[in-house]
PDB file of N, CA and C in Angstrom:
ATOM      1  N   MET A   1      -7.445  36.850 -13.748  1.00  0.00           N
ATOM      2  CA  MET A   1      -7.649  35.474 -13.331  1.00  0.00           C
ATOM      3  C   MET A   1      -8.937  35.407 -12.510  1.00  0.00           C
ATOM      4  N   ASN A   2      -9.779  34.474 -12.842  1.00  0.00           N
ATOM      5  CA  ASN A   2     -11.059  34.307 -12.156  1.00  0.00           C
ATOM      6  C   ASN A   2     -10.874  33.333 -10.998  1.00  0.00           C
ATOM      7  N   ASP A   3     -11.126  33.802  -9.780  1.00  0.00           N
ATOM      8  CA  ASP A   3     -10.904  32.978  -8.578  1.00  0.00           C
ATOM      9  C   ASP A   3     -12.255  32.531  -8.029  1.00  0.00           C
ATOM     10  N   ASN A   4     -12.749  31.388  -8.538  1.00  0.00           N
ATOM     11  CA  ASN A   4     -14.011  30.831  -8.053  1.00  0.00           C
ATOM     12  C   ASN A   4     -13.702  29.802  -6.977  1.00  0.00           C
ATOM     13  N   ARG A   5     -14.251  29.992  -5.802  1.00  0.00           N
ATOM     14  CA  ARG A   5     -14.036  29.055  -4.698  1.00  0.00           C
ATOM     15  C   ARG A   5     -15.325  28.310  -4.425  1.00  0.00           C
ATOM     16  N   ILE A   6     -15.180  27.030  -4.081  1.00  0.00           N
ATOM     17  CA  ILE A   6     -16.323  26.175  -3.773  1.00  0.00           C
ATOM     18  C   ILE A   6     -16.087  25.554  -2.400  1.00  0.00           C
ATOM     19  N   THR A   7     -17.110  25.576  -1.575  1.00  0.00           N
ATOM     20  CA  THR A   7     -17.047  24.933  -0.265  1.00  0.00           C
ATOM     21  C   THR A   7     -18.086  23.825  -0.224  1.00  0.00           C
ATOM     22  N   VAL A   8     -17.626  22.595   0.038  1.00  0.00           N
ATOM     23  CA  VAL A   8     -18.528  21.455   0.152  1.00  0.00           C
ATOM     24  C   VAL A   8     -18.946  21.356   1.617  1.00  0.00           C
ATOM     25  N   THR A   9     -20.235  21.432   1.862  1.00  0.00           N
ATOM     26  CA  THR A   9     -20.723  21.399   3.239  1.00  0.00           C
ATOM     27  C   THR A   9     -21.364  20.072   3.609  1.00  0.00           C
ATOM     28  N   ASP A  10     -21.823  19.292   2.623  1.00  0.00           N
ATOM     29  CA  ASP A  10     -22.509  18.038   2.936  1.00  0.00           C
ATOM     30  C   ASP A  10     -22.420  17.096   1.744  1.00  0.00           C
ATOM     31  N   ILE A  11     -22.213  15.832   2.032  1.00  0.00           N
ATOM     32  CA  ILE A  11     -22.238  14.794   1.003  1.00  0.00           C
ATOM     33  C   ILE A  11     -23.282  13.781   1.441  1.00  0.00           C
ATOM     34  N   ASP A  12     -24.275  13.589   0.616  1.00  0.00           N
ATOM     35  CA  ASP A  12     -25.381  12.690   0.961  1.00  0.00           C
ATOM     36  C   ASP A  12     -25.249  11.407   0.144  1.00  0.00           C
ATOM     37  N   ILE A  13     -24.728  10.346   0.795  1.00  0.00           N
ATOM     38  CA  ILE A  13     -24.554   9.058   0.134  1.00  0.00           C
ATOM     39  C   ILE A  13     -25.397   8.040   0.895  1.00  0.00           C
ATOM     40  N   PRO A  14     -26.238   7.281   0.197  1.00  0.00           N
ATOM     41  CA  PRO A  14     -27.019   6.240   0.874  1.00  0.00           C
ATOM     42  C   PRO A  14     -26.094   5.176   1.487  1.00  0.00           C
ATOM     43  N   PHE A  15     -26.575   4.555   2.560  1.00  0.00           N
ATOM     44  CA  PHE A  15     -25.760   3.587   3.296  1.00  0.00           C
ATOM     45  C   PHE A  15     -25.306   2.427   2.410  1.00  0.00           C
ATOM     46  N   GLY A  16     -26.195   1.903   1.584  1.00  0.00           N
ATOM     47  CA  GLY A  16     -25.842   0.789   0.705  1.00  0.00           C
ATOM     48  C   GLY A  16     -24.757   1.164  -0.289  1.00  0.00           C
ATOM     49  N   ARG A  17     -24.830   2.372  -0.811  1.00  0.00           N
ATOM     50  CA  ARG A  17     -23.812   2.847  -1.754  1.00  0.00           C
ATOM     51  C   ARG A  17     -22.467   3.008  -1.043  1.00  0.00           C
ATOM     52  N   MET A  18     -22.508   3.475   0.215  1.00  0.00           N
ATOM     53  CA  MET A  18     -21.283   3.628   0.992  1.00  0.00           C
ATOM     54  C   MET A  18     -20.618   2.278   1.223  1.00  0.00           C
ATOM     55  N   ILE A  19     -21.410   1.241   1.512  1.00  0.00           N
ATOM     56  CA  ILE A  19     -20.873  -0.118   1.684  1.00  0.00           C
ATOM     57  C   ILE A  19     -20.215  -0.582   0.382  1.00  0.00           C
ATOM     58  N   GLY A  20     -20.865  -0.298  -0.748  1.00  0.00           N
ATOM     59  CA  GLY A  20     -20.292  -0.670  -2.044  1.00  0.00           C
ATOM     60  C   GLY A  20     -18.960   0.014  -2.301  1.00  0.00           C
ATOM     61  N   ILE A  21     -18.858   1.291  -1.960  1.00  0.00           N
ATOM     62  CA  ILE A  21     -17.606   2.029  -2.149  1.00  0.00           C
ATOM     63  C   ILE A  21     -16.510   1.438  -1.269  1.00  0.00           C
ATOM     64  N   ILE A  22     -16.841   1.139  -0.020  1.00  0.00           N
ATOM     65  CA  ILE A  22     -15.846   0.581   0.905  1.00  0.00           C
ATOM     66  C   ILE A  22     -15.386  -0.801   0.436  1.00  0.00           C
ATOM     67  N   LEU A  23     -16.316  -1.633  -0.048  1.00  0.00           N
ATOM     68  CA  LEU A  23     -15.930  -2.959  -0.548  1.00  0.00           C
ATOM     69  C   LEU A  23     -15.019  -2.856  -1.762  1.00  0.00           C
ATOM     70  N   LYS A  24     -15.314  -1.906  -2.657  1.00  0.00           N
ATOM     71  CA  LYS A  24     -14.452  -1.709  -3.831  1.00  0.00           C
ATOM     72  C   LYS A  24     -13.059  -1.264  -3.417  1.00  0.00           C
ATOM     73  N   LEU A  25     -12.977  -0.375  -2.425  1.00  0.00           N
ATOM     74  CA  LEU A  25     -11.669   0.059  -1.940  1.00  0.00           C
ATOM     75  C   LEU A  25     -10.894  -1.098  -1.314  1.00  0.00           C
ATOM     76  N   MET A  26     -11.593  -1.950  -0.561  1.00  0.00           N
ATOM     77  CA  MET A  26     -10.934  -3.101   0.055  1.00  0.00           C
ATOM     78  C   MET A  26     -10.417  -4.060  -1.009  1.00  0.00           C
ATOM     79  N   LEU A  27     -11.219  -4.331  -2.022  1.00  0.00           N
ATOM     80  CA  LEU A  27     -10.786  -5.247  -3.084  1.00  0.00           C
ATOM     81  C   LEU A  27      -9.645  -4.657  -3.897  1.00  0.00           C
ATOM     82  N   ALA A  28      -9.644  -3.346  -4.089  1.00  0.00           N
ATOM     83  CA  ALA A  28      -8.570  -2.711  -4.845  1.00  0.00           C
ATOM     84  C   ALA A  28      -7.267  -2.688  -4.052  1.00  0.00           C
ATOM     85  N   SER A  29      -7.352  -2.752  -2.726  1.00  0.00           N
ATOM     86  CA  SER A  29      -6.137  -2.684  -1.915  1.00  0.00           C
ATOM     87  C   SER A  29      -5.401  -4.023  -1.853  1.00  0.00           C
ATOM     88  N   ILE A  30      -6.065  -5.124  -2.177  1.00  0.00           N
ATOM     89  CA  ILE A  30      -5.429  -6.443  -2.084  1.00  0.00           C
ATOM     90  C   ILE A  30      -4.195  -6.554  -2.989  1.00  0.00           C
ATOM     91  N   PRO A  31      -4.260  -6.191  -4.274  1.00  0.00           N
ATOM     92  CA  PRO A  31      -3.040  -6.263  -5.088  1.00  0.00           C
ATOM     93  C   PRO A  31      -1.938  -5.322  -4.595  1.00  0.00           C
ATOM     94  N   ALA A  32      -2.328  -4.157  -4.068  1.00  0.00           N
ATOM     95  CA  ALA A  32      -1.327  -3.225  -3.548  1.00  0.00           C
ATOM     96  C   ALA A  32      -0.618  -3.821  -2.336  1.00  0.00           C
ATOM     97  N   ILE A  33      -1.348  -4.479  -1.460  1.00  0.00           N
ATOM     98  CA  ILE A  33      -0.738  -5.105  -0.282  1.00  0.00           C
ATOM     99  C   ILE A  33       0.186  -6.242  -0.704  1.00  0.00           C
ATOM    100  N   LEU A  34      -0.247  -7.053  -1.663  1.00  0.00           N
ATOM    101  CA  LEU A  34       0.595  -8.152  -2.143  1.00  0.00           C
ATOM    102  C   LEU A  34       1.879  -7.623  -2.769  1.00  0.00           C
ATOM    103  N   LEU A  35       1.781  -6.560  -3.553  1.00  0.00           N
ATOM    104  CA  LEU A  35       2.967  -5.959  -4.161  1.00  0.00           C
ATOM    105  C   LEU A  35       3.886  -5.384  -3.094  1.00  0.00           C
ATOM    106  N   PHE A  36       3.310  -4.760  -2.093  1.00  0.00           N
ATOM    107  CA  PHE A  36       4.088  -4.205  -0.976  1.00  0.00           C
ATOM    108  C   PHE A  36       4.889  -5.307  -0.292  1.00  0.00           C
ATOM    109  N   TYR A  37       4.221  -6.425   0.042  1.00  0.00           N
ATOM    110  CA  TYR A  37       4.910  -7.530   0.703  1.00  0.00           C
ATOM    111  C   TYR A  37       5.969  -8.152  -0.207  1.00  0.00           C
ATOM    112  N   LEU A  38       5.692  -8.255  -1.482  1.00  0.00           N
ATOM    113  CA  LEU A  38       6.650  -8.831  -2.416  1.00  0.00           C
ATOM    114  C   LEU A  38       7.916  -7.985  -2.502  1.00  0.00           C
ATOM    115  N   VAL A  39       7.758  -6.676  -2.591  1.00  0.00           N
ATOM    116  CA  VAL A  39       8.910  -5.778  -2.669  1.00  0.00           C
ATOM    117  C   VAL A  39       9.742  -5.857  -1.389  1.00  0.00           C
ATOM    118  N   PHE A  40       9.080  -5.801  -0.229  1.00  0.00           N
ATOM    119  CA  PHE A  40       9.840  -5.846   1.014  1.00  0.00           C
ATOM    120  C   PHE A  40      10.426  -7.226   1.283  1.00  0.00           C
ATOM    121  N   PHE A  41       9.777  -8.284   0.804  1.00  0.00           N
ATOM    122  CA  PHE A  41      10.370  -9.615   0.917  1.00  0.00           C
ATOM    123  C   PHE A  41      11.652  -9.684   0.089  1.00  0.00           C
ATOM    124  N   GLY A  42      11.621  -9.106  -1.120  1.00  0.00           N
ATOM    125  CA  GLY A  42      12.818  -9.075  -1.962  1.00  0.00           C
ATOM    126  C   GLY A  42      13.945  -8.295  -1.322  1.00  0.00           C
ATOM    127  N   ILE A  43      13.610  -7.155  -0.720  1.00  0.00           N
ATOM    128  CA  ILE A  43      14.638  -6.352  -0.048  1.00  0.00           C
ATOM    129  C   ILE A  43      15.219  -7.128   1.134  1.00  0.00           C
ATOM    130  N   ALA A  44      14.346  -7.744   1.929  1.00  0.00           N
ATOM    131  CA  ALA A  44      14.818  -8.520   3.079  1.00  0.00           C
ATOM    132  C   ALA A  44      15.659  -9.704   2.627  1.00  0.00           C
ATOM    133  N   LEU A  45      15.273 -10.327   1.522  1.00  0.00           N
ATOM    134  CA  LEU A  45      16.039 -11.454   0.993  1.00  0.00           C
ATOM    135  C   LEU A  45      17.431 -11.010   0.549  1.00  0.00           C
ATOM    136  N   LEU A  46      17.503  -9.876  -0.130  1.00  0.00           N
ATOM    137  CA  LEU A  46      18.808  -9.365  -0.560  1.00  0.00           C
ATOM    138  C   LEU A  46      19.688  -9.002   0.631  1.00  0.00           C
ATOM    139  N   ILE A  47      19.105  -8.368   1.635  1.00  0.00           N
ATOM    140  CA  ILE A  47      19.873  -8.027   2.835  1.00  0.00           C
ATOM    141  C   ILE A  47      20.340  -9.303   3.538  1.00  0.00           C
ATOM    142  N   GLY A  48      19.457 -10.298   3.626  1.00  0.00           N
ATOM    143  CA  GLY A  48      19.832 -11.566   4.255  1.00  0.00           C
ATOM    144  C   GLY A  48      20.932 -12.278   3.499  1.00  0.00           C
ATOM    145  N   ILE A  49      20.857 -12.260   2.173  1.00  0.00           N
ATOM    146  CA  ILE A  49      21.903 -12.901   1.366  1.00  0.00           C
ATOM    147  C   ILE A  49      23.224 -12.173   1.545  1.00  0.00           C
ATOM    148  N   PHE A  50      23.172 -10.844   1.516  1.00  0.00           N
ATOM    149  CA  PHE A  50      24.402 -10.059   1.643  1.00  0.00           C
ATOM    150  C   PHE A  50      25.046 -10.250   3.007  1.00  0.00           C
ATOM    151  N   PHE A  51      24.281 -10.023   4.071  1.00  0.00           N
ATOM    152  CA  PHE A  51      24.866 -10.103   5.405  1.00  0.00           C
ATOM    153  C   PHE A  51      25.050 -11.549   5.856  1.00  0.00           C
ATOM    154  N   GLY A  52      24.162 -12.440   5.471  1.00  0.00           N
ATOM    155  CA  GLY A  52      24.326 -13.849   5.830  1.00  0.00           C
ATOM    156  C   GLY A  52      25.520 -14.457   5.129  1.00  0.00           C
ATOM    157  N   GLY A  53      25.676 -14.163   3.867  1.00  0.00           N
ATOM    158  CA  GLY A  53      26.823 -14.661   3.122  1.00  0.00           C
ATOM    159  C   GLY A  53      28.119 -14.062   3.618  1.00  0.00           C
ATOM    160  N   PHE A  54      28.066 -12.774   3.974  1.00  0.00           N
ATOM    161  CA  PHE A  54      29.259 -12.103   4.494  1.00  0.00           C
ATOM    162  C   PHE A  54      29.661 -12.679   5.850  1.00  0.00           C
ATOM    163  N   ALA A  55      28.683 -13.037   6.674  1.00  0.00           N
ATOM    164  CA  ALA A  55      28.963 -13.617   7.992  1.00  0.00           C
ATOM    165  C   ALA A  55      29.631 -14.978   7.848  1.00  0.00           C
ATOM    166  N   THR A  56      29.234 -15.763   6.850  1.00  0.00           N
ATOM    167  CA  THR A  56      29.869 -17.073   6.658  1.00  0.00           C
ATOM    168  C   THR A  56      31.310 -16.910   6.192  1.00  0.00           C
ATOM    169  N   LEU A  57      31.599 -15.849   5.453  1.00  0.00           N
ATOM    170  CA  LEU A  57      32.984 -15.603   5.057  1.00  0.00           C
ATOM    171  C   LEU A  57      33.847 -15.199   6.257  1.00  0.00           C
ATOM    172  N   LEU A  58      33.255 -14.456   7.178  1.00  0.00           N
ATOM    173  CA  LEU A  58      34.004 -14.039   8.359  1.00  0.00           C
ATOM    174  C   LEU A  58      34.252 -15.211   9.300  1.00  0.00           C
ATOM    175  N   ALA A  59      33.410 -16.227   9.289  1.00  0.00           N
ATOM    176  CA  ALA A  59      33.549 -17.369  10.186  1.00  0.00           C
ATOM    177  C   ALA A  59      34.699 -18.271   9.776  1.00  0.00           C
ATOM    178  N   MET A  60      35.137 -18.187   8.534  1.00  0.00           N
ATOM    179  CA  MET A  60      36.202 -19.061   8.058  1.00  0.00           C
ATOM    180  C   MET A  60      37.546 -18.650   8.596  1.00  0.00           C
TER     181      MET A  60
END
């Protein structure tokens, strides 16, 4: 087995290119954040329906 190791010591990225990369990452994160909130809203809604509905049954 050939064990070739590489060590990265420096990455030279121009400032403008770095801004472009960061903007792309920010734009790509928007759908992920929306999906995250949608999933947790659904979970919270189900918990609220279950426990809220159960509480109204106990009040009777």
